[in-house]
Amino acid sequence: MFLALREMRHSKARYLLIMVIMLLVSFLVLFVTGLARGLAYANISAVQNMSANYYVVQGDADQTFRRSQLNEVELQDVRSVVGEQNATPLGIQMSTITAKGTDVKTDVTFFAVDMKGLIAPAIAKGEGISNETKGSVVVDRKLEQDGITIGSTLIDQATGMTWSVAGYVQDSSYSHTPVVYLNLPDWQEMKQGMSRGTAADQTVSFNVIAIKATQKQVNQISEQTKNVEVITKKQAISSIPGYSAEQNSLKMMIIFLFVIAAFVLAVFFYVITIQKTSQFGILKAMGTKMSYLAWSVVGQVMILSVASLCISLLLTFGMNMSLPDSMPFQLDTSTIILTSCLFIGMSLLGSLISVARVAKIDALEAIGRTGA
């Protein structure tokens, strides 16, 4: 490490330029990773934040919520296994709403839930609604940025129904649209186009049954309830429209960035190593161990990687603070640690090419070249 530090101190400009390149690459990796995580969360947060760990969907729905149609019979069958408190229906409908008295027009996803059930939304601001409340909803707080406030009247473009906004929920999006929560009676009226209390209300279906269950109970549900499939939360998230394609594309970009980072660093250090062939040959002739020389090369890469990574983390956090709230960006501690370890690992992997070059240097040949 002494040799590595002395050389870096002697050739400040050269190693500073290399660190700038590593800084830019690491910043790009972290920023794209944060965007990928933010886009993922903006797509799935409504499902991700639910306390249910399994979901019952129609057997031929390809694990997609909106393609599934279930009814009261399946709900009672599931509740007979997991208990009434651990199974609740969920209705999903994507639509377009406007706000009365404004020019707001936006796409949303309606979530119909039992307001006393397993997946009832947690209110961040304002008031919640009950199963008996008529004509009121709670909405994702992102709609506040569009000018929809507590007390605003929302109009569904498809049915013409209206609701008053009673409160906000935090981080509740589905397929990149804010979620609007309504109770099951209003859902029935929305789907059937008639008032509550008629016999036809009982035939209204919903899309999913959210459950909290053990693996044994899941197996029992699959055996005794026909034409349904029980999927995990991970499977449910992967089946949200556009989620897998979006994340696979971003992950491919991040992987290529890691590969490019390793390749660029490997080339830079390999060129520097070739330029120092004579010096390494002299050190070998003086009896310097190969392990010492190898550690010198690896140590330089480690120092530059860690330093550039620390600065890029500061830049990333600074950039995040200056980004508008509408831009999805999320970097949690586990993602930062994983990304940092991968970046340092790829940098060290690229340095092994230089180490291999140093190992092949012949001391007598290098000294002869110097003398010539």
Protein backbone atom coordinates (compact mmCIF):
# COMPACT_ATOMS: atom_id res chain seq x y z
CA MET A 1 0.00 0.00 0.00
CA PHE A 2 2.99 2.30 0.63
CA LEU A 3 4.06 1.99 -3.02
CA ALA A 4 0.49 2.60 -4.22
CA LEU A 5 0.08 5.77 -2.15
CA ARG A 6 3.49 7.15 -3.15
CA GLU A 7 2.77 6.62 -6.82
CA MET A 8 -0.67 8.25 -6.58
CA ARG A 9 0.86 11.22 -4.78
CA HIS A 10 3.53 11.54 -7.46
CA SER A 11 1.10 11.30 -10.42
CA LYS A 12 -1.83 13.28 -9.07
CA ALA A 13 -3.26 14.42 -12.41
CA ARG A 14 -3.29 10.93 -13.92
CA TYR A 15 -5.08 9.30 -11.01
CA LEU A 16 -7.41 12.26 -10.54
CA LEU A 17 -8.64 11.84 -14.11
CA ILE A 18 -9.21 8.13 -13.50
CA MET A 19 -11.14 8.92 -10.31
CA VAL A 20 -13.32 11.43 -12.19
CA ILE A 21 -14.20 8.73 -14.73
CA MET A 22 -14.99 6.26 -11.94
CA LEU A 23 -17.02 8.96 -10.19
CA LEU A 24 -19.15 9.61 -13.27
CA VAL A 25 -19.71 5.89 -13.90
CA SER A 26 -20.61 5.15 -10.26
CA PHE A 27 -22.95 8.17 -10.14
CA LEU A 28 -24.68 6.97 -13.30
CA VAL A 29 -25.05 3.46 -11.85
CA LEU A 30 -26.52 4.75 -8.59
CA PHE A 31 -28.83 7.23 -10.31
CA VAL A 32 -30.21 4.68 -12.78
CA THR A 33 -30.62 2.18 -9.93
CA GLY A 34 -32.56 4.76 -7.93
CA LEU A 35 -34.78 5.51 -10.90
CA ALA A 36 -35.38 1.79 -11.46
CA ARG A 37 -36.37 1.31 -7.83
CA GLY A 38 -38.51 4.45 -7.90
CA LEU A 39 -40.34 3.37 -11.05
CA ALA A 40 -40.91 -0.07 -9.56
CA TYR A 41 -42.36 1.41 -6.37
CA ALA A 42 -44.56 3.83 -8.33
CA ASN A 43 -45.91 0.83 -10.21
CA ILE A 44 -46.60 -1.55 -7.32
CA SER A 45 -46.75 0.42 -4.05
CA ALA A 46 -50.48 -0.19 -3.51
CA VAL A 47 -49.94 -3.96 -3.59
CA GLN A 48 -46.49 -3.85 -1.98
CA ASN A 49 -47.82 -2.07 1.11
CA MET A 50 -50.75 -4.44 1.68
CA SER A 51 -50.52 -6.65 4.76
CA ALA A 52 -51.75 -9.70 2.82
CA ASN A 53 -49.12 -12.29 1.87
CA TYR A 54 -51.19 -14.29 -0.66
CA TYR A 55 -53.87 -13.51 -3.22
CA VAL A 56 -56.59 -15.74 -4.62
CA VAL A 57 -57.31 -15.15 -8.31
CA GLN A 58 -59.30 -16.90 -10.98
CA GLY A 59 -57.51 -19.95 -12.32
CA ASP A 60 -57.33 -18.81 -15.94
CA ALA A 61 -56.45 -15.17 -15.22
CA ASP A 62 -52.68 -15.63 -15.75
CA GLN A 63 -52.15 -14.33 -12.20
CA THR A 64 -53.33 -10.86 -13.31
CA PHE A 65 -55.72 -9.07 -10.96
CA ARG A 66 -57.80 -7.29 -13.59
CA ARG A 67 -58.43 -10.47 -15.58
CA SER A 68 -59.75 -12.29 -12.54
CA GLN A 69 -63.43 -12.47 -11.57
CA LEU A 70 -64.49 -14.07 -8.28
CA ASN A 71 -67.73 -14.06 -6.33
CA GLU A 72 -69.16 -14.55 -2.86
CA VAL A 73 -69.02 -18.35 -3.10
CA GLU A 74 -65.23 -18.39 -3.50
CA LEU A 75 -64.89 -15.78 -0.74
CA GLN A 76 -66.79 -17.93 1.74
CA ASP A 77 -64.79 -21.02 0.76
CA VAL A 78 -61.54 -19.17 1.41
CA ARG A 79 -62.79 -17.72 4.69
CA SER A 80 -63.73 -21.19 5.89
CA VAL A 81 -60.02 -22.04 5.75
CA VAL A 82 -58.22 -18.88 6.91
CA GLY A 83 -60.96 -17.18 8.93
CA GLU A 84 -63.12 -14.16 8.16
CA GLN A 85 -60.58 -11.59 9.37
CA ASN A 86 -57.79 -13.04 7.21
CA ALA A 87 -59.59 -12.90 3.86
CA THR A 88 -61.04 -9.82 2.19
CA PRO A 89 -62.28 -9.07 -1.33
CA LEU A 90 -60.57 -6.56 -3.60
CA GLY A 91 -62.16 -4.97 -6.66
CA ILE A 92 -59.99 -3.21 -9.24
CA GLN A 93 -61.09 -0.87 -12.02
CA MET A 94 -58.94 1.52 -14.04
CA SER A 95 -60.72 4.68 -15.16
CA THR A 96 -60.41 8.39 -15.83
CA ILE A 97 -61.69 11.00 -13.41
CA THR A 98 -62.24 14.73 -13.45
CA ALA A 99 -62.54 17.12 -10.51
CA LYS A 100 -65.66 19.28 -10.36
CA GLY A 101 -64.95 22.93 -10.87
CA THR A 102 -61.40 22.37 -12.17
CA ASP A 103 -59.71 21.31 -15.40
CA VAL A 104 -58.15 18.26 -13.74
CA LYS A 105 -58.44 15.07 -15.77
CA THR A 106 -56.33 12.07 -14.83
CA ASP A 107 -56.17 8.29 -14.97
CA VAL A 108 -56.66 6.43 -11.70
CA THR A 109 -57.23 2.90 -10.44
CA PHE A 110 -60.22 2.30 -8.17
CA PHE A 111 -59.61 -0.15 -5.33
CA ALA A 112 -62.79 -1.43 -3.70
CA VAL A 113 -61.99 -2.77 -0.23
CA ASP A 114 -63.66 -3.67 3.04
CA MET A 115 -62.83 -0.64 5.19
CA LYS A 116 -62.62 -2.88 8.25
CA GLY A 117 -60.72 -5.62 6.48
CA LEU A 118 -57.17 -6.79 6.05
CA ILE A 119 -56.17 -4.30 3.35
CA ALA A 120 -58.04 -1.19 4.48
CA PRO A 121 -55.94 1.90 3.64
CA ALA A 122 -54.04 3.81 6.31
CA ILE A 123 -55.06 7.47 6.31
CA ALA A 124 -52.17 9.96 6.04
CA LYS A 125 -54.28 13.12 6.08
CA GLY A 126 -57.95 13.90 6.46
CA GLU A 127 -60.53 11.31 7.47
CA GLY A 128 -61.16 7.70 6.54
CA ILE A 129 -64.43 6.22 5.32
CA SER A 130 -66.47 3.32 6.64
CA ASN A 131 -68.40 0.58 4.88
CA GLU A 132 -71.58 2.56 5.51
CA THR A 133 -70.29 5.84 4.08
CA LYS A 134 -71.87 6.73 0.76
CA GLY A 135 -70.25 8.87 -1.93
CA SER A 136 -66.85 9.35 -0.28
CA VAL A 137 -63.38 8.06 -1.18
CA VAL A 138 -59.80 8.33 0.00
CA VAL A 139 -57.14 8.94 -2.62
CA ASP A 140 -53.40 8.66 -3.11
CA ARG A 141 -51.62 11.83 -2.09
CA LYS A 142 -50.12 12.25 -5.57
CA LEU A 143 -53.54 13.59 -6.64
CA GLU A 144 -52.97 16.51 -4.29
CA GLN A 145 -50.28 17.70 -6.72
CA ASP A 146 -52.93 17.75 -9.46
CA GLY A 147 -55.07 20.14 -7.45
CA ILE A 148 -57.43 17.58 -5.90
CA THR A 149 -57.92 18.56 -2.27
CA ILE A 150 -59.92 17.18 0.62
CA GLY A 151 -63.54 18.00 -0.15
CA SER A 152 -63.05 17.96 -3.93
CA THR A 153 -65.73 16.18 -5.94
CA LEU A 154 -64.45 13.48 -8.29
CA ILE A 155 -66.45 12.43 -11.35
CA ASP A 156 -65.90 9.05 -12.97
CA GLN A 157 -65.87 9.46 -16.75
CA ALA A 158 -67.12 5.92 -17.38
CA THR A 159 -70.16 5.83 -15.09
CA GLY A 160 -70.80 9.47 -14.20
CA MET A 161 -70.73 8.64 -10.49
CA THR A 162 -69.39 11.29 -8.10
CA TRP A 163 -67.51 11.04 -4.82
CA SER A 164 -66.19 13.50 -2.29
CA VAL A 165 -62.54 13.20 -1.23
CA ALA A 166 -62.45 12.48 2.51
CA GLY A 167 -58.70 11.94 2.96
CA TYR A 168 -55.34 10.99 1.54
CA VAL A 169 -53.24 7.84 1.69
CA GLN A 170 -49.48 7.80 1.22
CA ASP A 171 -47.62 5.86 -1.50
CA SER A 172 -50.48 3.99 -3.11
CA SER A 173 -50.06 3.52 -6.85
CA TYR A 174 -51.02 0.74 -9.21
CA SER A 175 -49.60 0.44 -12.73
CA HIS A 176 -48.26 4.01 -12.45
CA THR A 177 -51.69 5.44 -11.63
CA PRO A 178 -52.79 6.83 -8.24
CA VAL A 179 -55.26 4.65 -6.35
CA VAL A 180 -58.71 5.81 -5.29
CA TYR A 181 -60.19 3.70 -2.46
CA LEU A 182 -63.94 3.24 -2.19
CA ASN A 183 -66.04 0.90 -0.08
CA LEU A 184 -67.78 -2.22 -1.35
CA PRO A 185 -71.34 -0.79 -1.47
CA ASP A 186 -70.16 2.06 -3.72
CA TRP A 187 -68.25 -0.51 -5.78
CA GLN A 188 -71.44 -2.50 -6.25
CA GLU A 189 -73.29 0.62 -7.37
CA MET A 190 -70.44 1.52 -9.69
CA LYS A 191 -70.39 -1.93 -11.31
CA GLN A 192 -74.13 -2.46 -11.51
CA GLY A 193 -75.31 1.10 -12.07
CA MET A 194 -78.00 0.83 -9.37
CA SER A 195 -78.51 1.68 -5.70
CA ARG A 196 -77.52 -0.55 -2.83
CA GLY A 197 -80.02 -2.89 -1.25
CA THR A 198 -81.36 -4.75 -4.25
CA ALA A 199 -81.04 -8.48 -4.79
CA ALA A 200 -78.84 -7.87 -7.84
CA ASP A 201 -76.19 -6.38 -5.61
CA GLN A 202 -75.34 -9.84 -4.33
CA THR A 203 -74.26 -10.98 -7.79
CA VAL A 204 -71.64 -8.30 -8.21
CA SER A 205 -68.19 -9.85 -8.50
CA PHE A 206 -64.80 -8.64 -7.42
CA ASN A 207 -61.34 -9.41 -8.77
CA VAL A 208 -59.17 -10.77 -6.00
CA ILE A 209 -59.31 -12.19 -2.49
CA ALA A 210 -56.42 -10.90 -0.37
CA ILE A 211 -55.51 -13.31 2.41
CA LYS A 212 -53.06 -13.75 5.25
CA ALA A 213 -52.35 -17.46 5.40
CA THR A 214 -49.79 -20.18 6.01
CA GLN A 215 -48.51 -22.49 3.30
CA LYS A 216 -50.65 -25.30 4.70
CA GLN A 217 -53.78 -23.16 4.41
CA VAL A 218 -52.81 -22.16 0.86
CA ASN A 219 -52.57 -25.82 -0.12
CA GLN A 220 -55.96 -26.48 1.47
CA ILE A 221 -57.58 -23.61 -0.46
CA SER A 222 -56.11 -24.89 -3.72
CA GLU A 223 -57.46 -28.37 -3.06
CA GLN A 224 -61.00 -27.55 -1.98
CA THR A 225 -61.81 -24.44 -4.09
CA LYS A 226 -62.21 -25.05 -7.81
CA ASN A 227 -61.08 -22.75 -10.63
CA VAL A 228 -58.89 -20.54 -8.45
CA GLU A 229 -55.15 -20.04 -8.03
CA VAL A 230 -53.36 -18.82 -4.91
CA ILE A 231 -50.35 -16.65 -5.71
CA THR A 232 -47.72 -14.97 -3.55
CA LYS A 233 -47.28 -11.21 -3.28
CA LYS A 234 -44.14 -11.48 -5.43
CA GLN A 235 -46.10 -13.26 -8.18
CA ALA A 236 -48.88 -10.70 -7.94
CA ILE A 237 -46.41 -7.83 -8.32
CA SER A 238 -44.68 -9.47 -11.29
CA SER A 239 -48.04 -9.79 -13.04
CA ILE A 240 -48.92 -6.09 -12.79
CA PRO A 241 -49.12 -4.83 -16.40
CA GLY A 242 -45.80 -3.44 -17.61
CA TYR A 243 -43.89 -4.14 -14.40
CA SER A 244 -41.69 -7.05 -15.56
CA ALA A 245 -40.90 -5.53 -18.96
CA GLU A 246 -40.01 -2.18 -17.40
CA GLN A 247 -37.80 -3.65 -14.68
CA ASN A 248 -36.05 -6.11 -17.00
CA SER A 249 -35.11 -3.27 -19.35
CA LEU A 250 -33.74 -1.14 -16.51
CA LYS A 251 -31.89 -4.07 -14.96
CA MET A 252 -30.26 -4.78 -18.32
CA MET A 253 -29.10 -1.15 -18.47
CA ILE A 254 -27.65 -1.39 -14.96
CA ILE A 255 -25.84 -4.65 -15.76
CA PHE A 256 -24.30 -3.09 -18.86
CA LEU A 257 -23.19 -0.11 -16.80
CA PHE A 258 -21.39 -2.42 -14.38
CA VAL A 259 -19.73 -4.27 -17.27
CA ILE A 260 -18.71 -0.99 -18.92
CA ALA A 261 -17.30 0.29 -15.63
CA ALA A 262 -15.18 -2.84 -15.20
CA PHE A 263 -14.00 -2.70 -18.83
CA VAL A 264 -13.07 1.01 -18.74
CA LEU A 265 -11.16 0.67 -15.48
CA ALA A 266 -9.42 -2.48 -16.69
CA VAL A 267 -8.22 -0.71 -19.85
CA PHE A 268 -6.97 2.38 -17.98
CA PHE A 269 -5.00 0.42 -15.41
CA TYR A 270 -3.70 -1.99 -18.02
CA VAL A 271 -2.27 0.93 -20.06
CA ILE A 272 -0.71 2.42 -16.91
CA THR A 273 0.76 -0.99 -16.03
CA ILE A 274 2.33 -1.32 -19.50
CA GLN A 275 3.87 2.14 -19.09
CA LYS A 276 5.43 1.01 -15.79
CA THR A 277 6.83 -2.28 -17.11
CA SER A 278 10.45 -1.18 -16.53
CA GLN A 279 9.76 -0.01 -12.97
CA PHE A 280 8.03 -3.29 -12.09
CA GLY A 281 10.95 -5.21 -13.64
CA ILE A 282 13.45 -3.32 -11.50
CA LEU A 283 11.39 -3.93 -8.37
CA LYS A 284 11.26 -7.64 -9.20
CA ALA A 285 15.05 -7.71 -9.75
CA MET A 286 15.50 -6.09 -6.33
CA GLY A 287 13.60 -9.00 -4.80
CA THR A 288 10.18 -7.41 -4.32
CA LYS A 289 7.54 -10.11 -3.90
CA MET A 290 4.82 -10.47 -6.50
CA SER A 291 2.18 -10.32 -3.76
CA TYR A 292 3.42 -6.86 -2.78
CA LEU A 293 3.23 -5.60 -6.37
CA ALA A 294 -0.20 -7.14 -6.86
CA TRP A 295 -1.49 -5.54 -3.68
CA SER A 296 -0.11 -2.21 -4.89
CA VAL A 297 -2.19 -2.39 -8.10
CA VAL A 298 -5.29 -3.67 -6.32
CA GLY A 299 -4.85 -1.09 -3.56
CA GLN A 300 -4.87 1.76 -6.04
CA VAL A 301 -8.10 0.48 -7.57
CA MET A 302 -9.65 0.03 -4.13
CA ILE A 303 -8.74 3.55 -3.01
CA LEU A 304 -10.03 5.15 -6.21
CA SER A 305 -13.22 3.04 -6.18
CA VAL A 306 -14.13 3.82 -2.58
CA ALA A 307 -13.30 7.53 -2.91
CA SER A 308 -15.28 7.97 -6.14
CA LEU A 309 -18.17 5.94 -4.72
CA CYS A 310 -18.41 8.10 -1.58
CA ILE A 311 -18.48 11.29 -3.65
CA SER A 312 -21.03 9.83 -6.07
CA LEU A 313 -23.29 8.87 -3.14
CA LEU A 314 -23.21 12.47 -1.93
CA LEU A 315 -24.00 13.69 -5.44
CA THR A 316 -26.84 11.17 -5.75
CA PHE A 317 -28.42 12.24 -2.46
CA GLY A 318 -28.02 15.89 -3.46
CA MET A 319 -29.64 15.22 -6.81
CA ASN A 320 -32.49 13.36 -5.10
CA MET A 321 -33.21 16.37 -2.89
CA SER A 322 -33.42 18.64 -5.93
CA LEU A 323 -35.63 16.33 -8.01
CA PRO A 324 -39.34 17.20 -8.26
CA ASP A 325 -41.73 15.04 -6.24
CA SER A 326 -43.30 13.79 -9.45
CA MET A 327 -40.09 12.03 -10.47
CA PRO A 328 -39.92 8.50 -9.01
CA PHE A 329 -36.59 7.93 -7.25
CA GLN A 330 -35.86 5.59 -4.39
CA LEU A 331 -32.62 4.32 -2.87
CA ASP A 332 -32.92 2.35 0.35
CA THR A 333 -29.98 1.21 2.48
CA SER A 334 -29.93 -2.37 1.19
CA THR A 335 -29.90 -1.19 -2.45
CA ILE A 336 -27.05 1.25 -1.74
CA ILE A 337 -24.97 -1.44 -0.03
CA LEU A 338 -25.59 -3.98 -2.79
CA THR A 339 -24.85 -1.49 -5.59
CA SER A 340 -21.71 -0.23 -3.86
CA CYS A 341 -20.37 -3.74 -3.26
CA LEU A 342 -21.05 -4.69 -6.88
CA PHE A 343 -19.31 -1.58 -8.18
CA ILE A 344 -16.23 -2.14 -6.03
CA GLY A 345 -16.25 -5.84 -6.91
CA MET A 346 -16.39 -5.12 -10.66
CA SER A 347 -13.58 -2.58 -10.29
CA LEU A 348 -11.38 -5.08 -8.48
CA LEU A 349 -12.23 -7.72 -11.08
CA GLY A 350 -11.04 -5.36 -13.81
CA SER A 351 -7.77 -4.77 -11.94
CA LEU A 352 -6.91 -8.49 -12.13
CA ILE A 353 -5.92 -8.02 -15.79
CA SER A 354 -3.23 -5.56 -14.68
CA VAL A 355 -2.11 -7.93 -11.93
CA ALA A 356 -1.77 -10.72 -14.50
CA ARG A 357 0.33 -8.39 -16.68
CA VAL A 358 2.63 -7.57 -13.76
CA ALA A 359 3.07 -11.28 -13.03
CA LYS A 360 4.29 -11.87 -16.60
CA ILE A 361 6.96 -9.15 -16.52
CA ASP A 362 10.46 -10.60 -16.77
CA ALA A 363 12.89 -8.69 -14.60
CA LEU A 364 15.99 -9.16 -16.83
CA GLU A 365 14.08 -8.23 -19.96
CA ALA A 366 12.65 -5.11 -18.33
CA ILE A 367 16.07 -4.03 -17.05
CA GLY A 368 17.60 -4.61 -20.49
CA ARG A 369 14.90 -2.49 -22.10
CA THR A 370 15.62 0.26 -19.59
CA GLY A 371 19.33 0.13 -20.29
CA ALA A 372 18.77 0.27 -24.03
